[in-house]
Protein backbone atom coordinates (compact mmCIF):
# COMPACT_ATOMS: atom_id res chain seq x y z
CA UNK A 1 120.97 98.01 58.10
CA UNK A 2 117.51 99.17 59.12
CA UNK A 3 115.00 99.52 56.35
CA UNK A 4 112.51 102.37 56.50
CA UNK A 5 109.31 102.78 54.50
CA UNK A 6 106.61 105.48 54.70
CA UNK A 7 103.84 104.42 57.06
CA UNK A 8 100.17 105.06 56.21
CA UNK A 9 98.72 107.85 58.17
CA UNK A 10 96.49 105.60 60.32
CA UNK A 11 99.14 103.14 61.46
CA UNK A 12 101.36 102.24 64.47
CA UNK A 13 104.75 100.53 64.59
CA UNK A 14 106.18 98.78 67.63
CA UNK A 15 109.81 97.88 68.28
CA UNK A 16 110.02 94.90 70.63
CA UNK A 17 113.76 94.19 71.18
CA UNK A 18 113.32 94.02 74.93
CA UNK A 19 111.01 90.98 74.72
CA UNK A 20 112.81 87.70 74.97
CA UNK A 21 111.72 84.53 73.26
CA UNK A 22 113.29 82.44 76.11
CA UNK A 23 111.24 79.51 77.26
CA UNK A 24 109.05 80.40 80.15
CA UNK A 25 108.94 84.16 79.29
CA UNK A 26 105.28 84.98 79.22
CA UNK A 27 105.68 88.59 78.15
CA UNK A 28 105.47 87.95 74.40
CA UNK A 29 102.25 85.99 74.82
CA UNK A 30 100.72 88.55 77.11
CA UNK A 31 101.64 91.34 74.67
CA UNK A 32 100.20 89.51 71.75
CA UNK A 33 96.93 88.95 73.59
CA UNK A 34 96.56 92.55 74.64
CA UNK A 35 97.55 93.80 71.09
CA UNK A 36 95.02 91.43 69.54
CA UNK A 37 92.16 92.60 71.83
CA UNK A 38 92.98 96.24 71.25
CA UNK A 39 93.39 96.12 67.50
CA UNK A 40 90.22 93.98 67.09
CA UNK A 41 88.27 96.64 69.16
CA UNK A 42 89.35 99.25 66.58
CA UNK A 43 88.10 97.39 63.56
CA UNK A 44 84.37 97.27 62.37
CA UNK A 45 82.83 93.92 61.58
CA UNK A 46 84.09 93.88 57.98
CA UNK A 47 87.35 95.81 58.56
CA UNK A 48 90.81 94.49 57.93
CA UNK A 49 94.28 95.11 59.36
CA UNK A 50 97.56 95.02 57.50
CA UNK A 51 100.42 93.43 59.43
CA UNK A 52 103.90 94.25 58.04
CA UNK A 53 106.95 92.39 59.26
CA UNK A 54 110.37 92.82 57.65
CA UNK A 55 111.32 89.22 58.54
CA UNK A 56 108.09 87.51 57.42
CA UNK A 57 105.52 87.72 54.67
CA UNK A 58 103.09 90.58 55.46
CA UNK A 59 99.44 89.81 55.62
CA UNK A 60 95.93 91.38 55.74
CA UNK A 61 93.49 89.96 58.28
CA UNK A 62 89.93 90.49 59.35
CA UNK A 63 90.13 89.93 63.12
CA UNK A 64 86.44 89.93 63.69
CA UNK A 65 85.95 87.14 61.11
CA UNK A 66 88.37 84.64 62.81
CA UNK A 67 88.73 82.84 66.08
CA UNK A 68 85.03 82.60 67.00
CA UNK A 69 82.66 79.57 66.91
CA UNK A 70 82.50 78.25 63.28
CA UNK A 71 85.25 80.65 62.18
CA UNK A 72 88.80 79.95 61.11
CA UNK A 73 91.54 80.17 63.75
């Protein structure tokens, strides 16, 4: 059963069944890198993103406040 919920107006949803988690498949890593760069470029310094995943706990993150020198990973 596929669960549906109303998305906020300024949101995007990806379905990624074609990507394989098999060892040696670099596509998931490349996609994550491109998505991270793209989403980070859309957020102002203090802005946050909300990540929803039906199989994991959802989270809110501030991509411009992480990953840099002296910042959390």
